[in-house]
Amino acid sequence: HQPMYLLLCMLAVIDLVLSTSTVPKLLAIFWFGAHNIDLDACLIQMFFIHCFATVESGIFLAMAFDRYVAICDPLRHTSVLTHTVVGRLGLAALLRGILYIGPLPLIIRLRLSLYRTQIIAHSYCEHMAVVTLACGDTTVNNLYGMGIGFLVLILDSLAITASYVMIFRAVMGLATPEARLKTLGTCSCHICAILVFYIPIAVSSLTHRFGHQVPPHIHILLANFYLLIPPILNPVIYGNQN
């Protein structure tokens, strides 16, 4: 019932939703050649994928706050991160994901007209892949997508980095090397999970927007990595720690 384990439960649910949003359709494509998808179903899939990826980033941010309090102010850890506070952090992450991603399918549905021949160059309904099917002005979609990417990817990663800078400063003040290693060891799983989550997202986003010479199958592979690899590795990473 410690705060980190409650956050891990939330992370497991998020990974389950992400996997459920993508894997069944992926298997239908590869096993049965079921390449068709209704537009509304595509937009629903897009919402769940991007929404819960945003929620997962928020949970990692909450985990960084947990590690910061546990190491920098250990005597107040259980009083600061009560079950109520952890629940509110999870709810805030969920509401943020809905608030950020909710407008995306609505903008596509209400503003854009799509070509009749609609072939998504992806194995799932990723936002920018769907937007490329539009025959109208997609400036609003592009700017909104970039803004959300900045708010989630850049700001969350900066906040997590700032928390670990303060954690490392506190750790360096410990008396013995053994105590430093033991304390840093409590953060190792969180750091690994963060790298597994953020690096594929960052590489996929950069190659999609700026890597015009990158082959399409590389784009698809990278986009699948950040949805499928974290749910596979997170149980291994945290299970090994426990």
Protein backbone atom coordinates (compact mmCIF):
# COMPACT_ATOMS: atom_id res chain seq x y z
CA HIS A 1 0.00 0.00 0.00
CA GLN A 2 2.99 2.31 -0.35
CA PRO A 3 2.52 5.22 -2.81
CA MET A 4 4.81 3.74 -5.46
CA TYR A 5 2.84 0.50 -5.56
CA LEU A 6 -0.43 2.37 -5.99
CA LEU A 7 1.16 4.26 -8.88
CA LEU A 8 2.39 0.95 -10.31
CA CYS A 9 -1.21 -0.32 -10.27
CA MET A 10 -2.23 2.75 -12.27
CA LEU A 11 0.66 2.18 -14.67
CA ALA A 12 -0.42 -1.43 -15.20
CA VAL A 13 -3.98 -0.35 -16.03
CA ILE A 14 -2.70 2.28 -18.48
CA ASP A 15 -0.43 -0.23 -20.20
CA LEU A 16 -3.37 -2.63 -20.45
CA VAL A 17 -5.51 0.04 -22.12
CA LEU A 18 -2.71 0.97 -24.54
CA SER A 19 -2.16 -2.66 -25.49
CA THR A 20 -5.90 -3.29 -25.86
CA SER A 21 -6.21 -0.23 -28.10
CA THR A 22 -3.57 -1.45 -30.55
CA VAL A 23 -2.79 -5.17 -30.36
CA PRO A 24 -6.20 -6.62 -31.40
CA LYS A 25 -6.28 -4.56 -34.59
CA LEU A 26 -2.60 -5.29 -35.26
CA LEU A 27 -3.26 -9.02 -35.00
CA ALA A 28 -6.32 -8.69 -37.23
CA ILE A 29 -4.19 -6.95 -39.86
CA PHE A 30 -1.31 -9.41 -39.75
CA TRP A 31 -3.24 -12.64 -39.25
CA PHE A 32 -6.46 -12.10 -41.18
CA GLY A 33 -5.66 -9.24 -43.57
CA ALA A 34 -8.40 -7.10 -41.99
CA HIS A 35 -7.03 -3.77 -43.14
CA ASN A 36 -10.29 -1.79 -43.10
CA ILE A 37 -11.43 0.37 -40.20
CA ASP A 38 -14.39 2.71 -39.88
CA LEU A 39 -13.55 6.41 -39.52
CA ASP A 40 -15.27 6.74 -36.14
CA ALA A 41 -13.54 3.59 -34.88
CA CYS A 42 -10.25 5.00 -36.14
CA LEU A 43 -10.79 8.27 -34.27
CA ILE A 44 -11.76 6.39 -31.10
CA GLN A 45 -8.59 4.30 -31.34
CA MET A 46 -6.55 7.46 -31.92
CA PHE A 47 -8.08 9.09 -28.84
CA PHE A 48 -7.38 6.14 -26.53
CA ILE A 49 -3.81 5.70 -27.78
CA HIS A 50 -2.75 9.33 -27.42
CA CYS A 51 -4.85 9.97 -24.30
CA PHE A 52 -3.41 7.10 -22.30
CA ALA A 53 0.13 7.74 -23.55
CA THR A 54 -0.35 11.23 -22.07
CA VAL A 55 -1.75 9.73 -18.86
CA GLU A 56 1.25 7.40 -18.61
CA SER A 57 3.58 10.37 -18.86
CA GLY A 58 1.67 11.98 -15.99
CA ILE A 59 2.03 8.84 -13.88
CA PHE A 60 5.79 8.81 -14.49
CA LEU A 61 5.84 12.43 -13.34
CA ALA A 62 3.95 11.44 -10.18
CA MET A 63 6.46 8.63 -9.61
CA ALA A 64 9.31 11.13 -9.88
CA PHE A 65 7.59 13.25 -7.21
CA ASP A 66 7.27 10.14 -5.04
CA ARG A 67 11.00 9.41 -5.37
CA TYR A 68 11.82 13.05 -4.61
CA VAL A 69 9.80 13.09 -1.38
CA ALA A 70 11.02 9.62 -0.33
CA ILE A 71 14.69 10.59 -0.67
CA CYS A 72 14.78 14.33 0.03
CA ASP A 73 12.17 14.38 2.82
CA PRO A 74 11.78 10.75 3.97
CA LEU A 75 10.21 11.52 7.35
CA ARG A 76 7.23 13.17 5.65
CA HIS A 77 6.90 10.67 2.80
CA THR A 78 3.84 8.82 4.08
CA SER A 79 2.19 12.01 5.35
CA VAL A 80 2.68 13.89 2.07
CA LEU A 81 1.83 11.06 -0.31
CA THR A 82 -1.28 9.68 1.34
CA HIS A 83 -3.67 7.40 -0.52
CA THR A 84 -5.90 10.41 -1.18
CA VAL A 85 -3.04 12.42 -2.66
CA VAL A 86 -1.94 9.51 -4.85
CA GLY A 87 -5.52 9.06 -6.05
CA ARG A 88 -5.75 12.75 -6.88
CA LEU A 89 -2.47 12.58 -8.80
CA GLY A 90 -3.81 9.68 -10.85
CA LEU A 91 -7.11 11.48 -11.47
CA ALA A 92 -5.26 14.65 -12.49
CA ALA A 93 -3.17 12.65 -14.97
CA LEU A 94 -6.33 11.10 -16.44
CA LEU A 95 -8.17 14.42 -16.71
CA ARG A 96 -5.14 16.05 -18.30
CA GLY A 97 -5.00 13.30 -20.92
CA ILE A 98 -8.69 13.70 -21.73
CA LEU A 99 -8.43 17.49 -21.84
CA TYR A 100 -5.36 17.50 -24.08
CA ILE A 101 -6.35 14.74 -26.50
CA GLY A 102 -10.15 15.10 -26.55
CA PRO A 103 -10.15 17.91 -29.15
CA LEU A 104 -7.97 15.96 -31.63
CA PRO A 105 -10.64 13.62 -33.06
CA LEU A 106 -13.21 16.42 -32.94
CA ILE A 107 -10.99 18.73 -34.99
CA ILE A 108 -10.49 16.01 -37.60
CA ARG A 109 -14.18 15.07 -37.67
CA LEU A 110 -15.59 18.59 -37.83
CA ARG A 111 -12.96 20.57 -39.75
CA LEU A 112 -11.33 18.25 -42.24
CA SER A 113 -12.55 16.43 -45.32
CA LEU A 114 -10.71 13.20 -46.04
CA TYR A 115 -9.90 11.75 -49.43
CA ARG A 116 -12.15 8.96 -50.61
CA THR A 117 -9.13 6.69 -51.05
CA GLN A 118 -7.98 6.54 -47.46
CA ILE A 119 -4.91 4.41 -46.88
CA ILE A 120 -3.28 5.06 -43.52
CA ALA A 121 0.45 4.48 -43.73
CA HIS A 122 0.45 2.95 -40.27
CA SER A 123 -0.57 -0.16 -38.39
CA TYR A 124 -2.89 1.91 -36.18
CA CYS A 125 -4.63 5.30 -36.29
CA GLU A 126 -1.86 7.67 -35.29
CA HIS A 127 -2.80 11.36 -35.34
CA MET A 128 -0.40 12.65 -37.97
CA ALA A 129 -0.96 9.61 -40.19
CA VAL A 130 -4.71 10.33 -40.20
CA VAL A 131 -4.19 14.06 -40.78
CA THR A 132 -2.17 13.34 -43.93
CA LEU A 133 -5.38 11.94 -45.48
CA ALA A 134 -7.05 15.36 -45.29
CA CYS A 135 -7.61 17.36 -48.45
CA GLY A 136 -8.00 20.68 -46.58
CA ASP A 137 -5.80 22.95 -44.51
CA THR A 138 -4.22 20.96 -41.67
CA THR A 139 -2.37 23.84 -40.01
CA VAL A 140 -4.57 23.77 -36.90
CA ASN A 141 -4.07 20.03 -36.49
CA ASN A 142 -0.32 20.29 -36.95
CA LEU A 143 0.05 23.17 -34.49
CA TYR A 144 -2.21 21.54 -31.91
CA GLY A 145 -0.33 18.25 -32.20
CA MET A 146 3.02 20.01 -31.78
CA GLY A 147 1.68 21.97 -28.80
CA ILE A 148 0.48 18.82 -27.06
CA GLY A 149 3.79 17.13 -27.80
CA PHE A 150 5.62 20.06 -26.23
CA LEU A 151 3.40 20.14 -23.14
CA VAL A 152 3.62 16.41 -22.53
CA LEU A 153 7.03 15.32 -23.80
CA ILE A 154 9.13 18.41 -23.07
CA LEU A 155 7.57 19.79 -19.89
CA ASP A 156 7.07 16.41 -18.22
CA SER A 157 10.61 15.31 -19.02
CA LEU A 158 11.99 18.63 -17.75
CA ALA A 159 10.02 18.30 -14.50
CA ILE A 160 11.25 14.72 -14.05
CA THR A 161 14.83 15.82 -14.77
CA ALA A 162 14.54 18.64 -12.21
CA SER A 163 13.30 16.20 -9.56
CA TYR A 164 16.25 13.89 -10.20
CA VAL A 165 18.72 16.76 -10.05
CA MET A 166 17.48 17.48 -6.53
CA ILE A 167 17.51 13.77 -5.71
CA PHE A 168 21.15 13.41 -6.83
CA ARG A 169 22.13 16.45 -4.79
CA ALA A 170 20.55 14.87 -1.71
CA VAL A 171 22.19 11.52 -2.43
CA MET A 172 25.63 13.09 -2.81
CA GLY A 173 25.23 14.45 0.71
CA LEU A 174 25.00 10.97 2.22
CA ALA A 175 27.92 9.82 4.33
CA THR A 176 29.02 6.57 2.66
CA PRO A 177 29.18 5.24 -0.93
CA GLU A 178 27.12 2.23 0.14
CA ALA A 179 24.29 4.49 1.31
CA ARG A 180 24.44 6.44 -1.95
CA LEU A 181 24.24 3.30 -4.08
CA LYS A 182 21.42 1.87 -2.00
CA THR A 183 19.42 5.09 -2.27
CA LEU A 184 20.01 5.44 -6.00
CA GLY A 185 19.00 1.80 -6.41
CA THR A 186 15.47 2.72 -5.34
CA CYS A 187 15.27 4.99 -8.41
CA SER A 188 16.81 2.63 -10.97
CA CYS A 189 13.55 1.01 -12.08
CA HIS A 190 11.83 4.35 -12.48
CA ILE A 191 14.71 5.72 -14.54
CA CYS A 192 14.74 2.65 -16.81
CA ALA A 193 10.97 2.82 -17.32
CA ILE A 194 11.19 6.53 -18.16
CA LEU A 195 13.92 5.93 -20.75
CA VAL A 196 11.96 3.05 -22.30
CA PHE A 197 8.90 5.30 -22.58
CA TYR A 198 10.29 8.70 -23.59
CA ILE A 199 13.13 7.79 -25.95
CA PRO A 200 10.97 5.92 -28.52
CA ILE A 201 8.34 8.70 -28.37
CA ALA A 202 10.96 11.40 -28.92
CA VAL A 203 12.67 9.54 -31.76
CA SER A 204 9.33 8.71 -33.41
CA SER A 205 8.08 12.31 -33.16
CA LEU A 206 11.30 13.79 -34.52
CA THR A 207 11.58 11.38 -37.44
CA HIS A 208 7.91 11.84 -38.32
CA ARG A 209 8.14 15.63 -38.43
CA PHE A 210 11.68 16.18 -39.67
CA GLY A 211 12.95 12.87 -41.05
CA HIS A 212 11.42 13.14 -44.51
CA GLN A 213 14.13 10.89 -45.95
CA VAL A 214 13.44 8.11 -43.43
CA PRO A 215 11.69 5.10 -45.07
CA PRO A 216 7.99 4.74 -44.14
CA HIS A 217 8.49 1.32 -42.54
CA ILE A 218 10.96 2.88 -40.09
CA HIS A 219 8.31 5.43 -39.07
CA ILE A 220 5.85 2.60 -38.47
CA LEU A 221 8.38 0.54 -36.51
CA LEU A 222 9.28 3.45 -34.22
CA ALA A 223 5.62 4.34 -33.67
CA ASN A 224 4.89 0.75 -32.67
CA PHE A 225 7.88 0.68 -30.33
CA TYR A 226 6.61 3.37 -27.98
CA LEU A 227 3.19 1.72 -27.68
CA LEU A 228 4.20 -1.93 -27.41
CA ILE A 229 7.65 -1.99 -25.80
CA PRO A 230 6.85 -0.14 -22.51
CA PRO A 231 3.89 -2.43 -21.62
CA ILE A 232 6.16 -5.42 -22.25
CA LEU A 233 9.17 -4.15 -20.30
CA ASN A 234 7.51 -2.31 -17.39
CA PRO A 235 6.46 -5.53 -15.57
CA VAL A 236 9.95 -6.95 -16.12
CA ILE A 237 11.66 -3.79 -14.86
CA TYR A 238 9.58 -3.37 -11.71
CA GLY A 239 9.25 -7.11 -11.09
CA ASN A 240 13.04 -7.42 -11.09
CA GLN A 241 13.31 -4.63 -8.51
CA ASN A 242 10.72 -6.24 -6.23
